[in-house]
PDB file of all heavy atoms in Angstrom:
ATOM      1  N   ILE A   1      26.482-148.193 108.815  1.00  0.00           N
ATOM      2  CA  ILE A   1      27.336-147.032 109.061  1.00  0.00           C
ATOM      3  C   ILE A   1      27.996-147.190 110.425  1.00  0.00           C
ATOM      4  O   ILE A   1      27.309-147.232 111.446  1.00  0.00           O
ATOM      5  CB  ILE A   1      26.521-145.727 109.037  1.00  0.00           C
ATOM      6  CG1 ILE A   1      25.695-145.612 107.754  1.00  0.00           C
ATOM      7  CG2 ILE A   1      27.450-144.514 109.187  1.00  0.00           C
ATOM      8  CD1 ILE A   1      24.777-144.403 107.718  1.00  0.00           C
ATOM      9  N   PRO A   2      29.318-147.263 110.492  1.00  0.00           N
ATOM     10  CA  PRO A   2      30.015-147.291 111.783  1.00  0.00           C
ATOM     11  C   PRO A   2      30.252-145.858 112.265  1.00  0.00           C
ATOM     12  O   PRO A   2      30.050-144.898 111.505  1.00  0.00           O
ATOM     13  CB  PRO A   2      31.334-147.979 111.437  1.00  0.00           C
ATOM     14  CG  PRO A   2      31.619-147.504 110.043  1.00  0.00           C
ATOM     15  CD  PRO A   2      30.270-147.376 109.360  1.00  0.00           C
ATOM     16  N   PRO A   3      30.691-145.667 113.499  1.00  0.00           N
ATOM     17  CA  PRO A   3      31.099-144.326 113.929  1.00  0.00           C
ATOM     18  C   PRO A   3      32.262-143.840 113.065  1.00  0.00           C
ATOM     19  O   PRO A   3      33.042-144.647 112.562  1.00  0.00           O
ATOM     20  CB  PRO A   3      31.528-144.532 115.386  1.00  0.00           C
ATOM     21  CG  PRO A   3      30.931-145.832 115.797  1.00  0.00           C
ATOM     22  CD  PRO A   3      30.847-146.668 114.567  1.00  0.00           C
ATOM     23  N   PRO A   4      32.400-142.535 112.888  1.00  0.00           N
ATOM     24  CA  PRO A   4      33.479-142.009 112.043  1.00  0.00           C
ATOM     25  C   PRO A   4      34.811-141.980 112.777  1.00  0.00           C
ATOM     26  O   PRO A   4      35.402-140.924 113.009  1.00  0.00           O
ATOM     27  CB  PRO A   4      32.992-140.599 111.708  1.00  0.00           C
ATOM     28  CG  PRO A   4      32.190-140.205 112.901  1.00  0.00           C
ATOM     29  CD  PRO A   4      31.507-141.463 113.380  1.00  0.00           C
ATOM     30  N   ALA A   5      35.296-143.155 113.166  1.00  0.00           N
ATOM     31  CA  ALA A   5      36.531-143.256 113.946  1.00  0.00           C
ATOM     32  C   ALA A   5      37.602-143.965 113.125  1.00  0.00           C
ATOM     33  O   ALA A   5      37.305-144.710 112.190  1.00  0.00           O
ATOM     34  CB  ALA A   5      36.272-144.019 115.242  1.00  0.00           C
ATOM     35  N   GLY A   6      38.854-143.759 113.495  1.00  0.00           N
ATOM     36  CA  GLY A   6      39.946-144.433 112.824  1.00  0.00           C
ATOM     37  C   GLY A   6      40.340-143.742 111.531  1.00  0.00           C
ATOM     38  O   GLY A   6      39.699-142.789 111.080  1.00  0.00           O
ATOM     39  N   PRO A   7      41.378-144.249 110.874  1.00  0.00           N
ATOM     40  CA  PRO A   7      41.895-143.596 109.672  1.00  0.00           C
ATOM     41  C   PRO A   7      41.065-143.837 108.421  1.00  0.00           C
ATOM     42  O   PRO A   7      41.197-143.105 107.445  1.00  0.00           O
ATOM     43  CB  PRO A   7      43.288-144.230 109.516  1.00  0.00           C
ATOM     44  CG  PRO A   7      43.159-145.579 110.156  1.00  0.00           C
ATOM     45  CD  PRO A   7      42.205-145.390 111.311  1.00  0.00           C
ATOM     46  N   ASP A   8      40.217-144.857 108.411  1.00  0.00           N
ATOM     47  CA  ASP A   8      39.477-145.207 107.195  1.00  0.00           C
ATOM     48  C   ASP A   8      38.070-145.722 107.539  1.00  0.00           C
ATOM     49  O   ASP A   8      37.745-146.881 107.292  1.00  0.00           O
ATOM     50  CB  ASP A   8      40.253-146.262 106.400  1.00  0.00           C
ATOM     51  CG  ASP A   8      39.627-146.561 105.048  1.00  0.00           C
ATOM     52  OD1 ASP A   8      38.999-145.652 104.472  1.00  0.00           O
ATOM     53  OD2 ASP A   8      39.762-147.707 104.568  1.00  0.00           O
ATOM     54  N   PRO A   9      37.196-144.878 108.102  1.00  0.00           N
ATOM     55  CA  PRO A   9      35.836-145.341 108.413  1.00  0.00           C
ATOM     56  C   PRO A   9      35.101-145.709 107.126  1.00  0.00           C
ATOM     57  O   PRO A   9      35.152-144.955 106.143  1.00  0.00           O
ATOM     58  CB  PRO A   9      35.198-144.146 109.110  1.00  0.00           C
ATOM     59  CG  PRO A   9      35.977-142.959 108.634  1.00  0.00           C
ATOM     60  CD  PRO A   9      37.376-143.449 108.425  1.00  0.00           C
ATOM     61  N   THR A  10      34.465-146.869 107.111  1.00  0.00           N
ATOM     62  CA  THR A  10      33.892-147.409 105.876  1.00  0.00           C
ATOM     63  C   THR A  10      32.423-147.768 106.066  1.00  0.00           C
ATOM     64  O   THR A  10      32.064-148.502 106.991  1.00  0.00           O
ATOM     65  CB  THR A  10      34.671-148.665 105.428  1.00  0.00           C
ATOM     66  OG1 THR A  10      36.051-148.313 105.228  1.00  0.00           O
ATOM     67  CG2 THR A  10      34.105-149.221 104.136  1.00  0.00           C
ATOM     68  N   ILE A  11      31.591-147.262 105.175  1.00  0.00           N
ATOM     69  CA  ILE A  11      30.178-147.620 105.120  1.00  0.00           C
ATOM     70  C   ILE A  11      30.018-148.784 104.146  1.00  0.00           C
ATOM     71  O   ILE A  11      30.555-148.747 103.028  1.00  0.00           O
ATOM     72  CB  ILE A  11      29.326-146.423 104.656  1.00  0.00           C
ATOM     73  CG1 ILE A  11      29.386-145.299 105.689  1.00  0.00           C
ATOM     74  CG2 ILE A  11      27.880-146.844 104.412  1.00  0.00           C
ATOM     75  CD1 ILE A  11      28.752-144.001 105.229  1.00  0.00           C
ATOM     76  N   ARG A  12      29.282-149.796 104.560  1.00  0.00           N
ATOM     77  CA  ARG A  12      29.046-150.963 103.705  1.00  0.00           C
ATOM     78  C   ARG A  12      27.612-150.953 103.195  1.00  0.00           C
ATOM     79  O   ARG A  12      26.672-150.852 103.980  1.00  0.00           O
ATOM     80  CB  ARG A  12      29.309-152.243 104.488  1.00  0.00           C
ATOM     81  CG  ARG A  12      29.243-153.507 103.620  1.00  0.00           C
ATOM     82  CD  ARG A  12      29.429-154.735 104.452  1.00  0.00           C
ATOM     83  NE  ARG A  12      28.255-155.030 105.257  1.00  0.00           N
ATOM     84  CZ  ARG A  12      28.271-155.776 106.367  1.00  0.00           C
ATOM     85  NH1 ARG A  12      29.415-156.249 106.811  1.00  0.00           N
ATOM     86  NH2 ARG A  12      27.157-156.022 107.025  1.00  0.00           N
ATOM     87  N   VAL A  13      27.479-151.063 101.886  1.00  0.00           N
ATOM     88  CA  VAL A  13      26.158-151.154 101.259  1.00  0.00           C
ATOM     89  C   VAL A  13      26.037-152.525 100.622  1.00  0.00           C
ATOM     90  O   VAL A  13      26.909-152.943  99.838  1.00  0.00           O
ATOM     91  CB  VAL A  13      25.971-150.056 100.191  1.00  0.00           C
ATOM     92  CG1 VAL A  13      24.620-150.211  99.498  1.00  0.00           C
ATOM     93  CG2 VAL A  13      26.087-148.667 100.818  1.00  0.00           C
ATOM     94  N   ARG A  14      24.963-153.233 100.963  1.00  0.00           N
ATOM     95  CA  ARG A  14      24.748-154.574 100.406  1.00  0.00           C
ATOM     96  C   ARG A  14      23.341-154.680  99.831  1.00  0.00           C
ATOM     97  O   ARG A  14      22.368-154.248 100.456  1.00  0.00           O
ATOM     98  CB  ARG A  14      24.893-155.639 101.493  1.00  0.00           C
ATOM     99  CG  ARG A  14      26.316-156.040 101.801  1.00  0.00           C
ATOM    100  CD  ARG A  14      26.336-157.146 102.843  1.00  0.00           C
ATOM    101  NE  ARG A  14      27.683-157.606 103.130  1.00  0.00           N
ATOM    102  CZ  ARG A  14      27.988-158.421 104.128  1.00  0.00           C
ATOM    103  NH1 ARG A  14      27.026-158.885 104.931  1.00  0.00           N
ATOM    104  NH2 ARG A  14      29.236-158.791 104.343  1.00  0.00           N
ATOM    105  N   TYR A  15      23.270-155.268  98.655  1.00  0.00           N
ATOM    106  CA  TYR A  15      21.983-155.678  98.096  1.00  0.00           C
ATOM    107  C   TYR A  15      21.807-157.147  98.434  1.00  0.00           C
ATOM    108  O   TYR A  15      22.656-157.983  98.102  1.00  0.00           O
ATOM    109  CB  TYR A  15      21.968-155.459  96.581  1.00  0.00           C
ATOM    110  CG  TYR A  15      20.735-155.998  95.899  1.00  0.00           C
ATOM    111  CD1 TYR A  15      19.471-155.507  96.222  1.00  0.00           C
ATOM    112  CD2 TYR A  15      20.833-156.989  94.928  1.00  0.00           C
ATOM    113  CE1 TYR A  15      18.331-156.005  95.590  1.00  0.00           C
ATOM    114  CE2 TYR A  15      19.710-157.487  94.284  1.00  0.00           C
ATOM    115  CZ  TYR A  15      18.457-156.990  94.622  1.00  0.00           C
ATOM    116  OH  TYR A  15      17.337-157.483  94.002  1.00  0.00           O
ATOM    117  N   ILE A  16      20.717-157.474  99.130  1.00  0.00           N
ATOM    118  CA  ILE A  16      20.477-158.842  99.605  1.00  0.00           C
ATOM    119  C   ILE A  16      19.213-159.353  98.914  1.00  0.00           C
ATOM    120  O   ILE A  16      18.088-159.064  99.350  1.00  0.00           O
ATOM    121  CB  ILE A  16      20.315-158.878 101.139  1.00  0.00           C
ATOM    122  CG1 ILE A  16      21.528-158.211 101.811  1.00  0.00           C
ATOM    123  CG2 ILE A  16      20.161-160.318 101.630  1.00  0.00           C
ATOM    124  CD1 ILE A  16      21.365-158.046 103.314  1.00  0.00           C
ATOM    125  N   PRO A  17      19.356-160.072  97.810  1.00  0.00           N
ATOM    126  CA  PRO A  17      18.183-160.500  97.047  1.00  0.00           C
ATOM    127  C   PRO A  17      17.600-161.810  97.551  1.00  0.00           C
ATOM    128  O   PRO A  17      18.298-162.628  98.159  1.00  0.00           O
ATOM    129  CB  PRO A  17      18.734-160.669  95.636  1.00  0.00           C
ATOM    130  CG  PRO A  17      20.144-161.129  95.864  1.00  0.00           C
ATOM    131  CD  PRO A  17      20.606-160.442  97.139  1.00  0.00           C
ATOM    132  N   ALA A  18      16.325-161.977  97.273  1.00  0.00           N
ATOM    133  CA  ALA A  18      15.676-163.260  97.513  1.00  0.00           C
ATOM    134  C   ALA A  18      15.130-163.807  96.199  1.00  0.00           C
ATOM    135  O   ALA A  18      14.317-164.713  96.195  1.00  0.00           O
ATOM    136  CB  ALA A  18      14.536-163.107  98.524  1.00  0.00           C
ATOM    137  N   GLY A  19      15.567-163.250  95.105  1.00  0.00           N
ATOM    138  CA  GLY A  19      15.085-163.719  93.811  1.00  0.00           C
ATOM    139  C   GLY A  19      15.488-162.824  92.662  1.00  0.00           C
ATOM    140  O   GLY A  19      15.951-163.290  91.624  1.00  0.00           O
ATOM    141  N   ARG A  20      15.336-161.508  92.829  1.00  0.00           N
ATOM    142  CA  ARG A  20      15.611-160.601  91.717  1.00  0.00           C
ATOM    143  C   ARG A  20      17.083-160.196  91.743  1.00  0.00           C
ATOM    144  O   ARG A  20      17.469-159.159  92.267  1.00  0.00           O
ATOM    145  CB  ARG A  20      14.715-159.368  91.799  1.00  0.00           C
ATOM    146  CG  ARG A  20      14.723-158.517  90.540  1.00  0.00           C
ATOM    147  CD  ARG A  20      13.708-157.402  90.648  1.00  0.00           C
ATOM    148  NE  ARG A  20      12.362-157.914  90.675  1.00  0.00           N
ATOM    149  CZ  ARG A  20      11.634-158.188  89.593  1.00  0.00           C
ATOM    150  NH1 ARG A  20      12.152-157.995  88.404  1.00  0.00           N
ATOM    151  NH2 ARG A  20      10.401-158.640  89.690  1.00  0.00           N
ATOM    152  N   ASP A  21      17.932-161.046  91.151  1.00  0.00           N
ATOM    153  CA  ASP A  21      19.371-160.798  91.183  1.00  0.00           C
ATOM    154  C   ASP A  21      20.036-161.121  89.851  1.00  0.00           C
ATOM    155  O   ASP A  21      21.243-161.338  89.786  1.00  0.00           O
ATOM    156  CB  ASP A  21      20.030-161.613  92.290  1.00  0.00           C
ATOM    157  CG  ASP A  21      19.799-163.112  92.135  1.00  0.00           C
ATOM    158  OD1 ASP A  21      19.026-163.512  91.247  1.00  0.00           O
ATOM    159  OD2 ASP A  21      20.397-163.885  92.906  1.00  0.00           O
ATOM    160  N   GLN A  22      19.248-161.154  88.761  1.00  0.00           N
ATOM    161  CA  GLN A  22      19.793-161.474  87.453  1.00  0.00           C
ATOM    162  C   GLN A  22      19.568-160.325  86.484  1.00  0.00           C
ATOM    163  O   GLN A  22      18.525-159.673  86.502  1.00  0.00           O
ATOM    164  CB  GLN A  22      19.146-162.748  86.888  1.00  0.00           C
ATOM    165  CG  GLN A  22      19.477-164.001  87.685  1.00  0.00           C
ATOM    166  CD  GLN A  22      20.949-164.358  87.620  1.00  0.00           C
ATOM    167  OE1 GLN A  22      21.544-164.401  86.537  1.00  0.00           O
ATOM    168  NE2 GLN A  22      21.547-164.599  88.776  1.00  0.00           N
ATOM    169  N   GLY A  23      20.563-160.059  85.657  1.00  0.00           N
ATOM    170  CA  GLY A  23      20.464-159.042  84.633  1.00  0.00           C
ATOM    171  C   GLY A  23      21.154-159.507  83.372  1.00  0.00           C
ATOM    172  O   GLY A  23      21.628-160.645  83.284  1.00  0.00           O
ATOM    173  N   VAL A  24      21.225-158.619  82.386  1.00  0.00           N
ATOM    174  CA  VAL A  24      21.872-158.926  81.110  1.00  0.00           C
ATOM    175  C   VAL A  24      22.930-157.873  80.853  1.00  0.00           C
ATOM    176  O   VAL A  24      22.641-156.665  80.872  1.00  0.00           O
ATOM    177  CB  VAL A  24      20.846-158.939  79.957  1.00  0.00           C
ATOM    178  CG1 VAL A  24      21.565-159.148  78.618  1.00  0.00           C
ATOM    179  CG2 VAL A  24      19.813-160.037  80.176  1.00  0.00           C
ATOM    180  N   LEU A  25      24.170-158.316  80.642  1.00  0.00           N
ATOM    181  CA  LEU A  25      25.269-157.427  80.316  1.00  0.00           C
ATOM    182  C   LEU A  25      25.398-157.373  78.802  1.00  0.00           C
ATOM    183  O   LEU A  25      25.615-158.393  78.146  1.00  0.00           O
ATOM    184  CB  LEU A  25      26.564-157.937  80.942  1.00  0.00           C
ATOM    185  CG  LEU A  25      27.820-157.091  80.695  1.00  0.00           C
ATOM    186  CD1 LEU A  25      27.676-155.720  81.322  1.00  0.00           C
ATOM    187  CD2 LEU A  25      29.053-157.802  81.238  1.00  0.00           C
ATOM    188  N   ARG A  26      25.249-156.176  78.241  1.00  0.00           N
ATOM    189  CA  ARG A  26      25.371-155.987  76.795  1.00  0.00           C
ATOM    190  C   ARG A  26      26.725-155.366  76.491  1.00  0.00           C
ATOM    191  O   ARG A  26      27.026-154.265  76.933  1.00  0.00           O
ATOM    192  CB  ARG A  26      24.249-155.085  76.282  1.00  0.00           C
ATOM    193  CG  ARG A  26      22.854-155.660  76.460  1.00  0.00           C
ATOM    194  CD  ARG A  26      21.791-154.718  75.902  1.00  0.00           C
ATOM    195  NE  ARG A  26      20.467-155.294  75.977  1.00  0.00           N
ATOM    196  CZ  ARG A  26      19.657-155.147  77.020  1.00  0.00           C
ATOM    197  NH1 ARG A  26      20.061-154.443  78.085  1.00  0.00           N
ATOM    198  NH2 ARG A  26      18.464-155.689  77.016  1.00  0.00           N
ATOM    199  N   ALA A  27      27.540-156.078  75.734  1.00  0.00           N
ATOM    200  CA  ALA A  27      28.872-155.597  75.384  1.00  0.00           C
ATOM    201  C   ALA A  27      29.302-156.225  74.062  1.00  0.00           C
ATOM    202  O   ALA A  27      29.201-157.449  73.887  1.00  0.00           O
ATOM    203  CB  ALA A  27      29.881-155.947  76.480  1.00  0.00           C
ATOM    204  N   GLY A  28      29.775-155.399  73.135  1.00  0.00           N
ATOM    205  CA  GLY A  28      30.267-155.907  71.854  1.00  0.00           C
ATOM    206  C   GLY A  28      29.232-156.678  71.069  1.00  0.00           C
ATOM    207  O   GLY A  28      29.570-157.644  70.379  1.00  0.00           O
ATOM    208  N   GLY A  29      27.978-156.283  71.167  1.00  0.00           N
ATOM    209  CA  GLY A  29      26.915-156.973  70.445  1.00  0.00           C
ATOM    210  C   GLY A  29      26.454-158.250  71.097  1.00  0.00           C
ATOM    211  O   GLY A  29      25.567-158.933  70.577  1.00  0.00           O
ATOM    212  N   LYS A  30      27.047-158.612  72.233  1.00  0.00           N
ATOM    213  CA  LYS A  30      26.664-159.833  72.940  1.00  0.00           C
ATOM    214  C   LYS A  30      25.801-159.489  74.148  1.00  0.00           C
ATOM    215  O   LYS A  30      25.942-158.431  74.758  1.00  0.00           O
ATOM    216  CB  LYS A  30      27.900-160.596  73.402  1.00  0.00           C
ATOM    217  CG  LYS A  30      28.762-161.148  72.287  1.00  0.00           C
ATOM    218  CD  LYS A  30      29.983-161.845  72.857  1.00  0.00           C
ATOM    219  CE  LYS A  30      29.596-162.995  73.780  1.00  0.00           C
ATOM    220  NZ  LYS A  30      30.791-163.705  74.313  1.00  0.00           N
ATOM    221  N   GLN A  31      24.915-160.393  74.497  1.00  0.00           N
ATOM    222  CA  GLN A  31      24.096-160.270  75.694  1.00  0.00           C
ATOM    223  C   GLN A  31      24.393-161.457  76.601  1.00  0.00           C
ATOM    224  O   GLN A  31      24.168-162.607  76.223  1.00  0.00           O
ATOM    225  CB  GLN A  31      22.604-160.232  75.345  1.00  0.00           C
ATOM    226  CG  GLN A  31      22.216-159.008  74.524  1.00  0.00           C
ATOM    227  CD  GLN A  31      20.713-158.885  74.360  1.00  0.00           C
ATOM    228  OE1 GLN A  31      19.937-159.561  75.032  1.00  0.00           O
ATOM    229  NE2 GLN A  31      20.294-158.016  73.460  1.00  0.00           N
TER     230      GLN A  31
END
């Protein structure tokens, strides 16, 4: 979280994995 300064203050959220970073996308009967 930066200070709320400037015209577009932006909070950055990051997921930083060390292993658990895989999933399954289910769409149109496909995985």
